[in-house]
Amino acid sequence: MESTSTLEAPAAPARSDNITVMAHLVYLLYALPTGITALLGLVVAYACRGQARGSYLDSHFRWQIRTFWVVLAVGLLVGAVAIAVVGGMVHLFQNSTAGILFTVGVGYLFLCLFLLLSLWFLYRTVKGWYFLFKEREI
């Protein structure tokens, strides 16, 4: 007696499904609080963006890449200015209590700028991930 059912191998996932998973992976790597994971996410975004051309995923990889580079550039700029300003103020006011307190205040201001930059990075990550779940361009 012959069986009418045949065993078929599961279909390979579509290329866009794999690229969608990779876009999710980049957002996950960005959401983790380390610079190394963000750098890995950048590498994945660059590696996958060519395969996403012409789809809504292309906008996500551009968004992810732009987010990384803007945060890095602004972070380096704020960091360089912070080192120059706070370092100069410490040298200038090294024996003055008021000067030291002023220097600590300015250092706190730069710390707040880094916090705002981190929140902006998180905002872009969450917004992009939300649009990805909705399968919409960002």
C-alpha atoms as a PDB file:
ATOM      1  CA  MET A   1       0.000   0.000   0.000  1.00  0.00           C
ATOM      2  CA  GLU A   2       1.425   3.331  -1.042  1.00  0.00           C
ATOM      3  CA  SER A   3       1.304   6.353   1.143  1.00  0.00           C
ATOM      4  CA  THR A   4      -0.216   9.443  -0.407  1.00  0.00           C
ATOM      5  CA  SER A   5       1.649  11.821   1.850  1.00  0.00           C
ATOM      6  CA  THR A   6       5.152  12.809   0.971  1.00  0.00           C
ATOM      7  CA  LEU A   7       7.782  14.124   3.264  1.00  0.00           C
ATOM      8  CA  GLU A   8       8.939  17.472   2.057  1.00  0.00           C
ATOM      9  CA  ALA A   9      11.872  19.352   3.367  1.00  0.00           C
ATOM     10  CA  PRO A  10      10.901  22.643   4.935  1.00  0.00           C
ATOM     11  CA  ALA A  11      11.272  25.548   2.580  1.00  0.00           C
ATOM     12  CA  ALA A  12      14.354  27.639   3.040  1.00  0.00           C
ATOM     13  CA  PRO A  13      13.578  30.998   4.560  1.00  0.00           C
ATOM     14  CA  ALA A  14      13.285  33.814   2.079  1.00  0.00           C
ATOM     15  CA  ARG A  15      16.252  36.109   1.732  1.00  0.00           C
ATOM     16  CA  SER A  16      14.236  39.026   3.106  1.00  0.00           C
ATOM     17  CA  ASP A  17      13.411  36.996   6.228  1.00  0.00           C
ATOM     18  CA  ASN A  18      17.115  36.531   6.913  1.00  0.00           C
ATOM     19  CA  ILE A  19      17.777  40.197   6.341  1.00  0.00           C
ATOM     20  CA  THR A  20      14.875  41.093   8.637  1.00  0.00           C
ATOM     21  CA  VAL A  21      16.434  38.962  11.374  1.00  0.00           C
ATOM     22  CA  MET A  22      19.736  40.742  10.831  1.00  0.00           C
ATOM     23  CA  ALA A  23      18.039  44.154  11.156  1.00  0.00           C
ATOM     24  CA  HIS A  24      16.530  42.979  14.451  1.00  0.00           C
ATOM     25  CA  LEU A  25      19.974  41.780  15.525  1.00  0.00           C
ATOM     26  CA  VAL A  26      21.490  45.211  14.880  1.00  0.00           C
ATOM     27  CA  TYR A  27      18.811  46.890  17.006  1.00  0.00           C
ATOM     28  CA  LEU A  28      19.426  44.317  19.747  1.00  0.00           C
ATOM     29  CA  LEU A  29      23.167  44.962  19.627  1.00  0.00           C
ATOM     30  CA  TYR A  30      22.519  48.704  19.807  1.00  0.00           C
ATOM     31  CA  ALA A  31      20.202  48.211  22.799  1.00  0.00           C
ATOM     32  CA  LEU A  32      22.910  46.439  24.800  1.00  0.00           C
ATOM     33  CA  PRO A  33      24.878  48.972  26.826  1.00  0.00           C
ATOM     34  CA  THR A  34      28.393  48.465  25.467  1.00  0.00           C
ATOM     35  CA  GLY A  35      30.394  50.102  22.728  1.00  0.00           C
ATOM     36  CA  ILE A  36      31.584  46.748  21.396  1.00  0.00           C
ATOM     37  CA  THR A  37      28.036  45.561  20.689  1.00  0.00           C
ATOM     38  CA  ALA A  38      27.256  48.837  18.903  1.00  0.00           C
ATOM     39  CA  LEU A  39      30.372  48.378  16.787  1.00  0.00           C
ATOM     40  CA  LEU A  40      29.329  44.803  15.961  1.00  0.00           C
ATOM     41  CA  GLY A  41      25.886  46.123  15.040  1.00  0.00           C
ATOM     42  CA  LEU A  42      27.491  48.645  12.690  1.00  0.00           C
ATOM     43  CA  VAL A  43      29.476  45.877  10.963  1.00  0.00           C
ATOM     44  CA  VAL A  44      26.315  43.772  10.539  1.00  0.00           C
ATOM     45  CA  ALA A  45      24.382  46.781   9.185  1.00  0.00           C
ATOM     46  CA  TYR A  46      27.069  47.511   6.603  1.00  0.00           C
ATOM     47  CA  ALA A  47      27.255  43.827   5.624  1.00  0.00           C
ATOM     48  CA  CYS A  48      23.489  43.490   5.135  1.00  0.00           C
ATOM     49  CA  ARG A  49      22.458  46.778   3.623  1.00  0.00           C
ATOM     50  CA  GLY A  50      23.328  45.739   0.061  1.00  0.00           C
ATOM     51  CA  GLN A  51      20.929  42.803   0.248  1.00  0.00           C
ATOM     52  CA  ALA A  52      18.164  45.064   1.548  1.00  0.00           C
ATOM     53  CA  ARG A  53      18.252  47.506  -1.377  1.00  0.00           C
ATOM     54  CA  GLY A  54      14.793  48.262  -2.723  1.00  0.00           C
ATOM     55  CA  SER A  55      12.947  47.119   0.393  1.00  0.00           C
ATOM     56  CA  TYR A  56      11.783  48.869   3.551  1.00  0.00           C
ATOM     57  CA  LEU A  57      14.761  47.264   5.313  1.00  0.00           C
ATOM     58  CA  ASP A  58      17.137  49.501   3.379  1.00  0.00           C
ATOM     59  CA  SER A  59      15.882  52.500   5.363  1.00  0.00           C
ATOM     60  CA  HIS A  60      16.510  50.625   8.620  1.00  0.00           C
ATOM     61  CA  PHE A  61      20.118  49.814   7.799  1.00  0.00           C
ATOM     62  CA  ARG A  62      20.719  53.450   6.751  1.00  0.00           C
ATOM     63  CA  TRP A  63      19.068  54.598  10.022  1.00  0.00           C
ATOM     64  CA  GLN A  64      21.251  52.250  12.069  1.00  0.00           C
ATOM     65  CA  ILE A  65      24.465  53.270  10.311  1.00  0.00           C
ATOM     66  CA  ARG A  66      23.679  56.988  10.554  1.00  0.00           C
ATOM     67  CA  THR A  67      22.758  56.654  14.222  1.00  0.00           C
ATOM     68  CA  PHE A  68      26.095  55.044  15.062  1.00  0.00           C
ATOM     69  CA  TRP A  69      28.217  57.603  13.210  1.00  0.00           C
ATOM     70  CA  VAL A  70      26.334  60.629  14.581  1.00  0.00           C
ATOM     71  CA  VAL A  71      26.644  59.348  18.158  1.00  0.00           C
ATOM     72  CA  LEU A  72      30.335  58.605  17.685  1.00  0.00           C
ATOM     73  CA  ALA A  73      31.075  62.001  16.123  1.00  0.00           C
ATOM     74  CA  VAL A  74      29.111  64.005  18.702  1.00  0.00           C
ATOM     75  CA  GLY A  75      30.506  61.879  21.540  1.00  0.00           C
ATOM     76  CA  LEU A  76      34.090  62.458  20.417  1.00  0.00           C
ATOM     77  CA  LEU A  77      33.464  66.170  19.988  1.00  0.00           C
ATOM     78  CA  VAL A  78      31.860  66.543  23.421  1.00  0.00           C
ATOM     79  CA  GLY A  79      34.599  64.402  24.951  1.00  0.00           C
ATOM     80  CA  ALA A  80      37.398  66.444  23.388  1.00  0.00           C
ATOM     81  CA  VAL A  81      35.825  69.721  24.485  1.00  0.00           C
ATOM     82  CA  ALA A  82      35.215  68.310  27.977  1.00  0.00           C
ATOM     83  CA  ILE A  83      38.829  67.233  28.357  1.00  0.00           C
ATOM     84  CA  ALA A  84      40.107  70.583  27.116  1.00  0.00           C
ATOM     85  CA  VAL A  85      37.752  72.701  29.213  1.00  0.00           C
ATOM     86  CA  VAL A  86      37.814  70.695  32.428  1.00  0.00           C
ATOM     87  CA  GLY A  87      41.537  70.006  32.135  1.00  0.00           C
ATOM     88  CA  GLY A  88      42.249  73.682  31.563  1.00  0.00           C
ATOM     89  CA  MET A  89      40.038  74.705  34.448  1.00  0.00           C
ATOM     90  CA  VAL A  90      41.679  72.231  36.820  1.00  0.00           C
ATOM     91  CA  HIS A  91      45.064  73.649  35.887  1.00  0.00           C
ATOM     92  CA  LEU A  92      43.844  77.249  36.200  1.00  0.00           C
ATOM     93  CA  PHE A  93      41.999  76.789  39.485  1.00  0.00           C
ATOM     94  CA  GLN A  94      44.124  74.109  41.138  1.00  0.00           C
ATOM     95  CA  ASN A  95      44.502  75.976  44.448  1.00  0.00           C
ATOM     96  CA  SER A  96      41.073  77.619  44.581  1.00  0.00           C
ATOM     97  CA  THR A  97      38.118  75.951  46.294  1.00  0.00           C
ATOM     98  CA  ALA A  98      35.609  77.977  44.281  1.00  0.00           C
ATOM     99  CA  GLY A  99      37.476  77.151  41.076  1.00  0.00           C
ATOM    100  CA  ILE A 100      37.446  73.446  41.874  1.00  0.00           C
ATOM    101  CA  LEU A 101      33.716  73.554  42.586  1.00  0.00           C
ATOM    102  CA  PHE A 102      33.184  75.417  39.306  1.00  0.00           C
ATOM    103  CA  THR A 103      35.269  72.797  37.492  1.00  0.00           C
ATOM    104  CA  VAL A 104      33.201  69.993  39.034  1.00  0.00           C
ATOM    105  CA  GLY A 105      30.032  71.793  37.908  1.00  0.00           C
ATOM    106  CA  VAL A 106      31.302  72.069  34.350  1.00  0.00           C
ATOM    107  CA  GLY A 107      32.312  68.410  34.448  1.00  0.00           C
ATOM    108  CA  TYR A 108      28.795  67.571  35.585  1.00  0.00           C
ATOM    109  CA  LEU A 109      27.418  69.556  32.632  1.00  0.00           C
ATOM    110  CA  PHE A 110      29.470  67.454  30.217  1.00  0.00           C
ATOM    111  CA  LEU A 111      28.322  64.288  31.976  1.00  0.00           C
ATOM    112  CA  CYS A 112      24.738  65.431  31.387  1.00  0.00           C
ATOM    113  CA  LEU A 113      25.526  65.996  27.694  1.00  0.00           C
ATOM    114  CA  PHE A 114      26.809  62.415  27.441  1.00  0.00           C
ATOM    115  CA  LEU A 115      23.652  61.207  29.166  1.00  0.00           C
ATOM    116  CA  LEU A 116      21.501  63.114  26.659  1.00  0.00           C
ATOM    117  CA  LEU A 117      23.508  61.633  23.802  1.00  0.00           C
ATOM    118  CA  SER A 118      22.960  58.145  25.240  1.00  0.00           C
ATOM    119  CA  LEU A 119      19.231  58.789  25.549  1.00  0.00           C
ATOM    120  CA  TRP A 120      19.118  60.005  21.940  1.00  0.00           C
ATOM    121  CA  PHE A 121      20.884  56.805  20.842  1.00  0.00           C
ATOM    122  CA  LEU A 122      18.366  54.747  22.812  1.00  0.00           C
ATOM    123  CA  TYR A 123      15.466  56.738  21.336  1.00  0.00           C
ATOM    124  CA  ARG A 124      16.672  56.094  17.781  1.00  0.00           C
ATOM    125  CA  THR A 125      17.147  52.414  18.557  1.00  0.00           C
ATOM    126  CA  VAL A 126      13.651  52.004  20.027  1.00  0.00           C
ATOM    127  CA  LYS A 127      11.981  54.055  17.286  1.00  0.00           C
ATOM    128  CA  GLY A 128      13.738  52.114  14.536  1.00  0.00           C
ATOM    129  CA  TRP A 129      12.968  48.774  16.153  1.00  0.00           C
ATOM    130  CA  TYR A 130       9.303  49.764  16.527  1.00  0.00           C
ATOM    131  CA  PHE A 131       9.059  50.601  12.822  1.00  0.00           C
ATOM    132  CA  LEU A 132      10.832  47.340  11.968  1.00  0.00           C
ATOM    133  CA  PHE A 133       8.256  45.352  13.957  1.00  0.00           C
ATOM    134  CA  LYS A 134       5.549  47.223  12.022  1.00  0.00           C
ATOM    135  CA  GLU A 135       7.390  46.359   8.764  1.00  0.00           C
ATOM    136  CA  ARG A 136       7.512  50.033   7.835  1.00  0.00           C
ATOM    137  CA  GLU A 137      10.278  52.290   6.558  1.00  0.00           C
ATOM    138  CA  ILE A 138      11.944  54.533   9.052  1.00  0.00           C
END
